[in-house]
Amino acid sequence: ATGKRFAKDKGMKYEELNLIIAHMGGGITVAAHAKGKMIDATNGIDGDGPFSTNRTGGLPVGALVKLCFSGRYTHKEVEKMLNGEGGLTAYLKENDVRTVEEKAATDEYFALCLAAMGAVLEGKVDAIVITGGIANSKKITARMQERIGFIAPVTLYPGENEMDALALGTLEALRGNEPLKSL
């Protein structure tokens, strides 16, 4: 939905663009969109991708396996460590980005994930689009633009836009512009 919004705002067609789209919220996901199709993405829900407010991001698998089989933690406790109490919450005992933006150095791995999606798109990137609550932080987004602006122009859509995206998708399906999909 963010890719379509970006295209509409720029007077372009989503199906003609190559975009890197990132959501920066409690978790961070990064996706490569080529000519109207998402072709690769990190799985922020399961811990793939960058370190975030409350998710650990990518971890060394060997150390994680040792932790899981140490007998010290239940399955539910390990899941909570990875998704909910990981990331900045684990390091700083704080999960409000506004409070920790001076202390946080989360931008390096995030920039790396964005650059990787640029490689997936073979360097042909029309724009990088960033959304989510963390996109409200002028300090964090300024650092990100310094790191990734060489890849493509950066556009910000701060805030949580998930409900808008669901509503837009439903409207497009009801109008017959998008096929109905079921899981």
N, C-alpha and C. Protein backbone atom coordinates (compact mmCIF):
# COMPACT_ATOMS: atom_id res chain seq x y z
N ALA A 1 0.82 -1.20 0.00
CA ALA A 1 0.00 0.00 0.00
C ALA A 1 0.87 1.26 0.00
N THR A 2 1.99 1.22 0.72
CA THR A 2 2.86 2.39 0.76
C THR A 2 3.48 2.65 -0.60
N GLY A 3 3.83 1.60 -1.32
CA GLY A 3 4.38 1.76 -2.66
C GLY A 3 3.37 2.41 -3.60
N LYS A 4 2.12 1.99 -3.50
CA LYS A 4 1.07 2.57 -4.34
C LYS A 4 0.82 4.03 -3.94
N ARG A 5 0.85 4.30 -2.65
CA ARG A 5 0.67 5.68 -2.18
C ARG A 5 1.79 6.58 -2.71
N PHE A 6 3.03 6.08 -2.61
CA PHE A 6 4.17 6.84 -3.11
C PHE A 6 4.01 7.13 -4.60
N ALA A 7 3.67 6.10 -5.37
CA ALA A 7 3.52 6.26 -6.82
C ALA A 7 2.44 7.30 -7.13
N LYS A 8 1.31 7.20 -6.45
CA LYS A 8 0.22 8.15 -6.68
C LYS A 8 0.67 9.57 -6.35
N ASP A 9 1.35 9.74 -5.20
CA ASP A 9 1.83 11.06 -4.79
C ASP A 9 2.80 11.66 -5.81
N LYS A 10 3.56 10.81 -6.49
CA LYS A 10 4.55 11.27 -7.47
C LYS A 10 4.00 11.31 -8.90
N GLY A 11 2.72 10.93 -9.07
CA GLY A 11 2.13 10.91 -10.41
C GLY A 11 2.70 9.81 -11.28
N MET A 12 3.06 8.70 -10.66
CA MET A 12 3.67 7.58 -11.40
C MET A 12 2.83 6.33 -11.19
N LYS A 13 3.21 5.25 -11.85
CA LYS A 13 2.54 3.97 -11.68
C LYS A 13 3.43 3.05 -10.85
N TYR A 14 2.85 2.46 -9.82
CA TYR A 14 3.56 1.53 -8.95
C TYR A 14 4.19 0.40 -9.77
N GLU A 15 3.48 -0.04 -10.80
CA GLU A 15 3.95 -1.15 -11.64
C GLU A 15 5.15 -0.79 -12.51
N GLU A 16 5.54 0.47 -12.52
CA GLU A 16 6.70 0.90 -13.30
C GLU A 16 7.90 1.26 -12.43
N LEU A 17 7.75 1.10 -11.12
CA LEU A 17 8.80 1.54 -10.19
C LEU A 17 9.53 0.38 -9.53
N ASN A 18 10.79 0.62 -9.20
CA ASN A 18 11.57 -0.26 -8.33
C ASN A 18 11.78 0.50 -7.03
N LEU A 19 11.25 -0.04 -5.95
CA LEU A 19 11.29 0.65 -4.67
C LEU A 19 11.87 -0.23 -3.57
N ILE A 20 12.52 0.41 -2.63
CA ILE A 20 12.86 -0.22 -1.37
C ILE A 20 11.92 0.42 -0.35
N ILE A 21 11.11 -0.40 0.30
CA ILE A 21 10.14 0.11 1.26
C ILE A 21 10.45 -0.48 2.62
N ALA A 22 10.56 0.39 3.62
CA ALA A 22 10.88 -0.05 4.97
C ALA A 22 9.85 0.48 5.95
N HIS A 23 9.49 -0.37 6.90
CA HIS A 23 8.62 0.04 8.00
C HIS A 23 9.47 0.02 9.27
N MET A 24 9.51 1.16 9.94
CA MET A 24 10.29 1.28 11.18
C MET A 24 9.34 1.54 12.34
N GLY A 25 8.96 0.48 13.03
CA GLY A 25 8.10 0.60 14.20
C GLY A 25 8.73 -0.18 15.34
N GLY A 26 7.91 -0.91 16.10
CA GLY A 26 8.44 -1.77 17.15
C GLY A 26 9.37 -2.82 16.56
N GLY A 27 9.07 -3.22 15.35
CA GLY A 27 9.95 -4.07 14.55
C GLY A 27 10.27 -3.33 13.27
N ILE A 28 11.27 -3.79 12.56
CA ILE A 28 11.65 -3.14 11.31
C ILE A 28 11.64 -4.19 10.21
N THR A 29 10.94 -3.87 9.11
CA THR A 29 10.96 -4.75 7.95
C THR A 29 11.40 -3.93 6.74
N VAL A 30 12.09 -4.59 5.84
CA VAL A 30 12.61 -3.94 4.63
C VAL A 30 12.25 -4.85 3.46
N ALA A 31 11.72 -4.26 2.38
CA ALA A 31 11.31 -5.06 1.22
C ALA A 31 11.74 -4.41 -0.08
N ALA A 32 12.03 -5.25 -1.06
CA ALA A 32 12.33 -4.80 -2.43
C ALA A 32 11.08 -5.03 -3.27
N HIS A 33 10.64 -3.97 -3.95
CA HIS A 33 9.48 -4.03 -4.84
C HIS A 33 9.96 -3.73 -6.25
N ALA A 34 9.73 -4.67 -7.16
CA ALA A 34 10.13 -4.50 -8.56
C ALA A 34 8.90 -4.50 -9.45
N LYS A 35 8.67 -3.37 -10.08
CA LYS A 35 7.59 -3.25 -11.06
C LYS A 35 6.26 -3.79 -10.53
N GLY A 36 5.89 -3.37 -9.32
CA GLY A 36 4.59 -3.73 -8.77
C GLY A 36 4.52 -5.02 -7.99
N LYS A 37 5.65 -5.68 -7.77
CA LYS A 37 5.65 -6.93 -7.01
C LYS A 37 6.74 -6.89 -5.95
N MET A 38 6.39 -7.34 -4.75
CA MET A 38 7.41 -7.47 -3.71
C MET A 38 8.21 -8.74 -4.03
N ILE A 39 9.52 -8.58 -4.22
CA ILE A 39 10.33 -9.73 -4.64
C ILE A 39 11.23 -10.26 -3.53
N ASP A 40 11.41 -9.49 -2.47
CA ASP A 40 12.22 -9.95 -1.33
C ASP A 40 11.87 -9.09 -0.13
N ALA A 41 12.00 -9.67 1.06
CA ALA A 41 11.71 -8.92 2.29
C ALA A 41 12.34 -9.59 3.49
N THR A 42 12.63 -8.79 4.49
CA THR A 42 13.04 -9.34 5.78
C THR A 42 11.78 -9.74 6.53
N ASN A 43 11.90 -10.67 7.46
CA ASN A 43 10.76 -11.13 8.25
C ASN A 43 10.92 -10.61 9.67
N GLY A 44 10.51 -9.37 9.89
CA GLY A 44 10.67 -8.73 11.19
C GLY A 44 9.93 -9.43 12.31
N ILE A 45 8.81 -10.05 12.03
CA ILE A 45 8.03 -10.73 13.06
C ILE A 45 8.84 -11.86 13.68
N ASP A 46 9.56 -12.61 12.87
CA ASP A 46 10.34 -13.73 13.37
C ASP A 46 11.79 -13.37 13.66
N GLY A 47 12.12 -12.08 13.68
CA GLY A 47 13.45 -11.66 14.11
C GLY A 47 14.44 -11.43 13.00
N ASP A 48 14.06 -11.64 11.76
CA ASP A 48 14.97 -11.38 10.66
C ASP A 48 15.09 -9.87 10.46
N GLY A 49 16.22 -9.42 9.99
CA GLY A 49 16.37 -8.01 9.67
C GLY A 49 17.03 -7.21 10.78
N PRO A 50 16.85 -5.89 10.75
CA PRO A 50 17.55 -5.01 11.68
C PRO A 50 17.07 -5.11 13.12
N PHE A 51 17.95 -4.78 14.02
CA PHE A 51 17.69 -4.56 15.44
C PHE A 51 16.66 -3.44 15.52
N SER A 52 15.69 -3.53 16.42
CA SER A 52 14.66 -2.49 16.48
C SER A 52 14.30 -2.17 17.93
N THR A 53 13.22 -1.45 18.09
CA THR A 53 12.81 -1.03 19.42
C THR A 53 12.62 -2.21 20.36
N ASN A 54 11.88 -3.24 19.92
CA ASN A 54 11.63 -4.36 20.82
C ASN A 54 11.90 -5.73 20.21
N ARG A 55 12.64 -5.76 19.10
CA ARG A 55 13.02 -7.04 18.48
C ARG A 55 14.52 -7.09 18.29
N THR A 56 15.06 -8.28 18.47
CA THR A 56 16.51 -8.44 18.44
C THR A 56 17.12 -8.28 17.06
N GLY A 57 16.35 -8.56 16.01
CA GLY A 57 16.94 -8.57 14.69
C GLY A 57 17.79 -9.83 14.53
N GLY A 58 18.62 -9.85 13.50
CA GLY A 58 19.46 -11.02 13.23
C GLY A 58 20.42 -11.30 14.38
N LEU A 59 20.55 -12.56 14.73
CA LEU A 59 21.44 -12.99 15.81
C LEU A 59 22.34 -14.11 15.31
N PRO A 60 23.48 -14.31 15.99
CA PRO A 60 24.31 -15.47 15.66
C PRO A 60 23.54 -16.76 16.00
N VAL A 61 23.30 -17.59 15.02
CA VAL A 61 22.46 -18.77 15.20
C VAL A 61 23.04 -19.72 16.25
N GLY A 62 24.35 -19.93 16.25
CA GLY A 62 24.95 -20.85 17.21
C GLY A 62 24.68 -20.45 18.65
N ALA A 63 24.84 -19.18 18.96
CA ALA A 63 24.58 -18.70 20.33
C ALA A 63 23.10 -18.84 20.68
N LEU A 64 22.24 -18.61 19.72
CA LEU A 64 20.81 -18.74 19.96
C LEU A 64 20.44 -20.20 20.24
N VAL A 65 21.01 -21.12 19.48
CA VAL A 65 20.75 -22.55 19.70
C VAL A 65 21.20 -22.95 21.10
N LYS A 66 22.38 -22.50 21.53
CA LYS A 66 22.86 -22.81 22.88
C LYS A 66 21.90 -22.27 23.94
N LEU A 67 21.43 -21.05 23.76
CA LEU A 67 20.49 -20.46 24.70
C LEU A 67 19.20 -21.28 24.76
N CYS A 68 18.69 -21.65 23.60
CA CYS A 68 17.42 -22.40 23.55
C CYS A 68 17.51 -23.75 24.24
N PHE A 69 18.67 -24.40 24.14
CA PHE A 69 18.82 -25.74 24.71
C PHE A 69 19.58 -25.75 26.04
N SER A 70 19.74 -24.58 26.64
CA SER A 70 20.46 -24.50 27.92
C SER A 70 19.64 -25.04 29.08
N GLY A 71 18.33 -25.13 28.90
CA GLY A 71 17.47 -25.58 29.99
C GLY A 71 17.09 -24.45 30.93
N ARG A 72 17.60 -23.26 30.70
CA ARG A 72 17.32 -22.13 31.60
C ARG A 72 16.05 -21.39 31.23
N TYR A 73 15.57 -21.56 29.99
CA TYR A 73 14.43 -20.77 29.53
C TYR A 73 13.40 -21.67 28.86
N THR A 74 12.13 -21.29 29.00
CA THR A 74 11.07 -21.99 28.28
C THR A 74 10.99 -21.43 26.86
N HIS A 75 10.28 -22.14 26.01
CA HIS A 75 10.06 -21.68 24.64
C HIS A 75 9.46 -20.28 24.65
N LYS A 76 8.44 -20.06 25.47
CA LYS A 76 7.75 -18.77 25.53
C LYS A 76 8.71 -17.66 26.00
N GLU A 77 9.58 -17.96 26.96
CA GLU A 77 10.54 -16.95 27.45
C GLU A 77 11.52 -16.55 26.35
N VAL A 78 12.01 -17.51 25.58
CA VAL A 78 12.94 -17.19 24.49
C VAL A 78 12.23 -16.36 23.43
N GLU A 79 11.00 -16.74 23.08
CA GLU A 79 10.25 -15.95 22.10
C GLU A 79 10.09 -14.50 22.57
N LYS A 80 9.80 -14.31 23.85
CA LYS A 80 9.61 -12.95 24.38
C LYS A 80 10.93 -12.18 24.36
N MET A 81 12.05 -12.87 24.59
CA MET A 81 13.36 -12.22 24.51
C MET A 81 13.63 -11.70 23.10
N LEU A 82 13.20 -12.46 22.11
CA LEU A 82 13.46 -12.11 20.72
C LEU A 82 12.48 -11.08 20.18
N ASN A 83 11.23 -11.19 20.59
CA ASN A 83 10.18 -10.36 20.02
C ASN A 83 9.30 -9.81 21.14
N GLY A 84 9.61 -8.63 21.59
CA GLY A 84 8.84 -8.00 22.66
C GLY A 84 9.73 -7.37 23.70
N GLU A 85 10.74 -8.13 24.11
CA GLU A 85 11.68 -7.60 25.11
C GLU A 85 13.10 -7.57 24.58
N GLY A 86 13.26 -7.71 23.27
CA GLY A 86 14.59 -7.65 22.67
C GLY A 86 14.91 -6.23 22.24
N GLY A 87 15.88 -6.08 21.37
CA GLY A 87 16.23 -4.77 20.82
C GLY A 87 16.59 -3.75 21.87
N LEU A 88 16.17 -2.52 21.65
CA LEU A 88 16.48 -1.43 22.58
C LEU A 88 15.92 -1.70 23.96
N THR A 89 14.78 -2.38 24.02
CA THR A 89 14.17 -2.68 25.31
C THR A 89 15.13 -3.50 26.17
N ALA A 90 15.81 -4.47 25.59
CA ALA A 90 16.74 -5.30 26.35
C ALA A 90 17.99 -4.52 26.77
N TYR A 91 18.51 -3.71 25.88
CA TYR A 91 19.74 -2.98 26.17
C TYR A 91 19.54 -1.81 27.12
N LEU A 92 18.48 -1.07 26.91
CA LEU A 92 18.32 0.19 27.64
C LEU A 92 17.16 0.19 28.63
N LYS A 93 16.45 -0.93 28.72
CA LYS A 93 15.28 -1.03 29.60
C LYS A 93 14.28 0.08 29.27
N GLU A 94 14.14 0.36 28.00
CA GLU A 94 13.28 1.44 27.52
C GLU A 94 12.85 1.09 26.11
N ASN A 95 11.59 1.36 25.77
CA ASN A 95 11.15 1.05 24.41
C ASN A 95 10.55 2.24 23.68
N ASP A 96 10.69 3.42 24.24
CA ASP A 96 10.19 4.63 23.59
C ASP A 96 11.33 5.27 22.81
N VAL A 97 11.24 5.24 21.49
CA VAL A 97 12.32 5.75 20.64
C VAL A 97 12.61 7.22 20.93
N ARG A 98 11.59 7.98 21.29
CA ARG A 98 11.82 9.40 21.59
C ARG A 98 12.78 9.56 22.76
N THR A 99 12.74 8.62 23.70
CA THR A 99 13.61 8.69 24.87
C THR A 99 15.02 8.23 24.57
N VAL A 100 15.16 7.26 23.66
CA VAL A 100 16.47 6.64 23.45
C VAL A 100 17.18 7.06 22.17
N GLU A 101 16.61 7.97 21.38
CA GLU A 101 17.23 8.26 20.09
C GLU A 101 18.65 8.78 20.21
N GLU A 102 19.00 9.42 21.31
CA GLU A 102 20.37 9.89 21.49
C GLU A 102 21.33 8.74 21.77
N LYS A 103 20.83 7.68 22.41
CA LYS A 103 21.67 6.56 22.82
C LYS A 103 21.74 5.47 21.75
N ALA A 104 20.76 5.43 20.90
CA ALA A 104 20.62 4.30 19.98
C ALA A 104 21.54 4.43 18.77
N ALA A 105 22.09 3.30 18.39
CA ALA A 105 22.90 3.24 17.17
C ALA A 105 22.32 2.14 16.29
N THR A 106 21.03 2.23 16.00
CA THR A 106 20.35 1.18 15.24
C THR A 106 20.46 1.37 13.74
N ASP A 107 21.02 2.49 13.32
CA ASP A 107 20.96 2.82 11.90
C ASP A 107 21.92 2.04 11.02
N GLU A 108 23.01 1.50 11.55
CA GLU A 108 24.00 0.84 10.71
C GLU A 108 23.45 -0.42 10.06
N TYR A 109 22.85 -1.31 10.85
CA TYR A 109 22.33 -2.55 10.28
C TYR A 109 21.09 -2.29 9.43
N PHE A 110 20.30 -1.30 9.81
CA PHE A 110 19.14 -0.91 9.00
C PHE A 110 19.62 -0.47 7.62
N ALA A 111 20.65 0.37 7.57
CA ALA A 111 21.21 0.83 6.30
C ALA A 111 21.73 -0.36 5.49
N LEU A 112 22.35 -1.32 6.16
CA LEU A 112 22.86 -2.51 5.50
C LEU A 112 21.71 -3.30 4.84
N CYS A 113 20.60 -3.45 5.56
CA CYS A 113 19.44 -4.17 4.99
C CYS A 113 18.86 -3.43 3.79
N LEU A 114 18.80 -2.10 3.88
CA LEU A 114 18.31 -1.32 2.74
C LEU A 114 19.24 -1.48 1.54
N ALA A 115 20.54 -1.42 1.77
CA ALA A 115 21.51 -1.58 0.69
C ALA A 115 21.40 -2.97 0.06
N ALA A 116 21.15 -3.99 0.90
CA ALA A 116 20.99 -5.35 0.38
C ALA A 116 19.80 -5.43 -0.56
N MET A 117 18.72 -4.75 -0.22
CA MET A 117 17.55 -4.76 -1.11
C MET A 117 17.87 -4.02 -2.41
N GLY A 118 18.75 -3.03 -2.34
CA GLY A 118 19.22 -2.36 -3.55
C GLY A 118 19.94 -3.34 -4.46
N ALA A 119 20.70 -4.25 -3.87
CA ALA A 119 21.38 -5.28 -4.66
C ALA A 119 20.37 -6.24 -5.28
N VAL A 120 19.32 -6.58 -4.52
CA VAL A 120 18.26 -7.44 -5.06
C VAL A 120 17.64 -6.80 -6.31
N LEU A 121 17.53 -5.48 -6.28
CA LEU A 121 16.97 -4.74 -7.42
C LEU A 121 18.04 -4.39 -8.46
N GLU A 122 19.22 -5.00 -8.33
CA GLU A 122 20.34 -4.82 -9.26
C GLU A 122 20.74 -3.36 -9.42
N GLY A 123 20.61 -2.60 -8.32
CA GLY A 123 21.01 -1.19 -8.33
C GLY A 123 20.03 -0.26 -9.01
N LYS A 124 18.97 -0.80 -9.55
CA LYS A 124 17.97 0.03 -10.25
C LYS A 124 16.85 0.38 -9.27
N VAL A 125 17.10 1.39 -8.43
CA VAL A 125 16.17 1.79 -7.38
C VAL A 125 15.68 3.20 -7.68
N ASP A 126 14.37 3.34 -7.82
CA ASP A 126 13.79 4.65 -8.09
C ASP A 126 13.65 5.48 -6.82
N ALA A 127 13.35 4.82 -5.70
CA ALA A 127 13.19 5.54 -4.44
C ALA A 127 13.25 4.57 -3.27
N ILE A 128 13.59 5.13 -2.12
CA ILE A 128 13.51 4.42 -0.84
C ILE A 128 12.39 5.10 -0.07
N VAL A 129 11.43 4.31 0.39
CA VAL A 129 10.28 4.84 1.10
C VAL A 129 10.28 4.27 2.51
N ILE A 130 10.25 5.16 3.51
CA ILE A 130 10.31 4.74 4.91
C ILE A 130 9.04 5.19 5.62
N THR A 131 8.42 4.26 6.33
CA THR A 131 7.21 4.54 7.08
C THR A 131 7.35 3.98 8.50
N GLY A 132 6.38 4.24 9.34
CA GLY A 132 6.37 3.74 10.70
C GLY A 132 6.63 4.83 11.73
N GLY A 133 6.42 4.47 12.98
CA GLY A 133 6.56 5.43 14.07
C GLY A 133 7.95 6.02 14.21
N ILE A 134 8.98 5.20 13.99
CA ILE A 134 10.35 5.70 14.14
C ILE A 134 10.66 6.75 13.07
N ALA A 135 9.94 6.71 11.96
CA ALA A 135 10.15 7.71 10.90
C ALA A 135 9.76 9.11 11.37
N ASN A 136 9.13 9.23 12.54
CA ASN A 136 8.84 10.54 13.13
C ASN A 136 10.08 11.19 13.72
N SER A 137 11.12 10.40 13.99
CA SER A 137 12.34 10.93 14.61
C SER A 137 13.21 11.62 13.56
N LYS A 138 13.31 12.92 13.67
CA LYS A 138 14.13 13.69 12.72
C LYS A 138 15.60 13.29 12.82
N LYS A 139 16.09 13.00 14.03
CA LYS A 139 17.50 12.62 14.20
C LYS A 139 17.79 11.29 13.53
N ILE A 140 16.95 10.30 13.77
CA ILE A 140 17.19 8.98 13.18
C ILE A 140 17.05 9.03 11.66
N THR A 141 16.01 9.69 11.16
CA THR A 141 15.83 9.73 9.70
C THR A 141 16.91 10.56 9.02
N ALA A 142 17.41 11.58 9.68
CA ALA A 142 18.52 12.36 9.09
C ALA A 142 19.76 11.49 8.96
N ARG A 143 20.06 10.69 10.01
CA ARG A 143 21.22 9.78 9.94
C ARG A 143 21.01 8.75 8.84
N MET A 144 19.78 8.24 8.73
CA MET A 144 19.50 7.23 7.70
C MET A 144 19.69 7.82 6.31
N GLN A 145 19.20 9.02 6.09
CA GLN A 145 19.33 9.64 4.77
C GLN A 145 20.79 9.87 4.41
N GLU A 146 21.62 10.20 5.40
CA GLU A 146 23.06 10.34 5.14
C GLU A 146 23.66 9.02 4.70
N ARG A 147 23.22 7.92 5.31
CA ARG A 147 23.79 6.61 5.01
C ARG A 147 23.28 6.00 3.71
N ILE A 148 22.03 6.24 3.36
CA ILE A 148 21.43 5.53 2.22
C ILE A 148 21.03 6.42 1.06
N GLY A 149 21.14 7.72 1.21
CA GLY A 149 20.71 8.64 0.16
C GLY A 149 21.43 8.45 -1.16
N PHE A 150 22.62 7.85 -1.13
CA PHE A 150 23.35 7.62 -2.38
C PHE A 150 22.70 6.54 -3.23
N ILE A 151 21.86 5.69 -2.61
CA ILE A 151 21.21 4.60 -3.35
C ILE A 151 20.08 5.16 -4.22
N ALA A 152 19.26 6.00 -3.61
CA ALA A 152 18.10 6.59 -4.30
C ALA A 152 17.52 7.67 -3.40
N PRO A 153 16.68 8.55 -3.95
CA PRO A 153 16.02 9.55 -3.11
C PRO A 153 15.18 8.87 -2.02
N VAL A 154 15.11 9.49 -0.86
CA VAL A 154 14.38 8.94 0.28
C VAL A 154 13.12 9.76 0.52
N THR A 155 11.99 9.06 0.67
CA THR A 155 10.72 9.69 1.01
C THR A 155 10.23 9.10 2.33
N LEU A 156 9.76 9.97 3.22
CA LEU A 156 9.26 9.54 4.53
C LEU A 156 7.74 9.65 4.59
N TYR A 157 7.12 8.62 5.13
CA TYR A 157 5.70 8.63 5.48
C TYR A 157 5.61 8.24 6.95
N PRO A 158 5.90 9.17 7.86
CA PRO A 158 5.92 8.84 9.28
C PRO A 158 4.56 8.37 9.79
N GLY A 159 4.61 7.52 10.79
CA GLY A 159 3.39 7.06 11.45
C GLY A 159 3.02 5.64 11.09
N GLU A 160 2.06 5.15 11.82
CA GLU A 160 1.57 3.79 11.63
C GLU A 160 0.44 3.85 10.61
N ASN A 161 0.64 3.26 9.45
CA ASN A 161 -0.32 3.37 8.36
C ASN A 161 -1.00 2.04 8.01
N GLU A 162 -0.91 1.05 8.91
CA GLU A 162 -1.42 -0.27 8.59
C GLU A 162 -2.92 -0.28 8.32
N MET A 163 -3.69 0.42 9.15
CA MET A 163 -5.15 0.43 8.97
C MET A 163 -5.53 1.13 7.66
N ASP A 164 -4.83 2.21 7.35
CA ASP A 164 -5.07 2.89 6.07
C ASP A 164 -4.80 1.94 4.90
N ALA A 165 -3.72 1.17 5.01
CA ALA A 165 -3.36 0.23 3.95
C ALA A 165 -4.43 -0.85 3.78
N LEU A 166 -4.92 -1.38 4.90
CA LEU A 166 -5.97 -2.40 4.82
C LEU A 166 -7.24 -1.82 4.21
N ALA A 167 -7.60 -0.61 4.62
CA ALA A 167 -8.80 0.03 4.07
C ALA A 167 -8.66 0.28 2.58
N LEU A 168 -7.49 0.78 2.16
CA LEU A 168 -7.26 1.05 0.74
C LEU A 168 -7.30 -0.24 -0.08
N GLY A 169 -6.68 -1.30 0.43
CA GLY A 169 -6.70 -2.58 -0.26
C GLY A 169 -8.11 -3.13 -0.42
N THR A 170 -8.91 -3.00 0.64
CA THR A 170 -10.30 -3.45 0.58
C THR A 170 -11.09 -2.64 -0.44
N LEU A 171 -10.91 -1.33 -0.42
CA LEU A 171 -11.61 -0.46 -1.37
C LEU A 171 -11.24 -0.80 -2.81
N GLU A 172 -9.95 -1.03 -3.06
CA GLU A 172 -9.50 -1.38 -4.42
C GLU A 172 -10.10 -2.71 -4.86
N ALA A 173 -10.21 -3.67 -3.94
CA ALA A 173 -10.82 -4.96 -4.28
C ALA A 173 -12.31 -4.80 -4.56
N LEU A 174 -12.99 -4.01 -3.74
CA LEU A 174 -14.43 -3.78 -3.94
C LEU A 174 -14.71 -3.06 -5.25
N ARG A 175 -13.79 -2.20 -5.67
CA ARG A 175 -13.95 -1.49 -6.94
C ARG A 175 -13.58 -2.36 -8.14
N GLY A 176 -13.02 -3.54 -7.87
CA GLY A 176 -12.61 -4.43 -8.94
C GLY A 176 -11.23 -4.15 -9.50
N ASN A 177 -10.48 -3.26 -8.86
CA ASN A 177 -9.14 -2.91 -9.33
C ASN A 177 -8.07 -3.90 -8.85
N GLU A 178 -8.38 -4.65 -7.82
CA GLU A 178 -7.45 -5.65 -7.26
C GLU A 178 -8.24 -6.94 -7.07
N PRO A 179 -7.61 -8.09 -7.29
CA PRO A 179 -8.33 -9.35 -7.04
C PRO A 179 -8.49 -9.58 -5.54
N LEU A 180 -9.61 -10.21 -5.17
CA LEU A 180 -9.81 -10.61 -3.78
C LEU A 180 -8.88 -11.77 -3.49
N LYS A 181 -8.28 -11.77 -2.33
CA LYS A 181 -7.36 -12.83 -1.95
C LYS A 181 -7.82 -13.42 -0.63
N SER A 182 -7.69 -14.73 -0.50
CA SER A 182 -8.02 -15.37 0.77
C SER A 182 -6.83 -16.20 1.21
N LEU A 183 -6.73 -16.36 2.50
CA LEU A 183 -5.60 -17.13 3.05
C LEU A 183 -6.00 -18.56 3.27
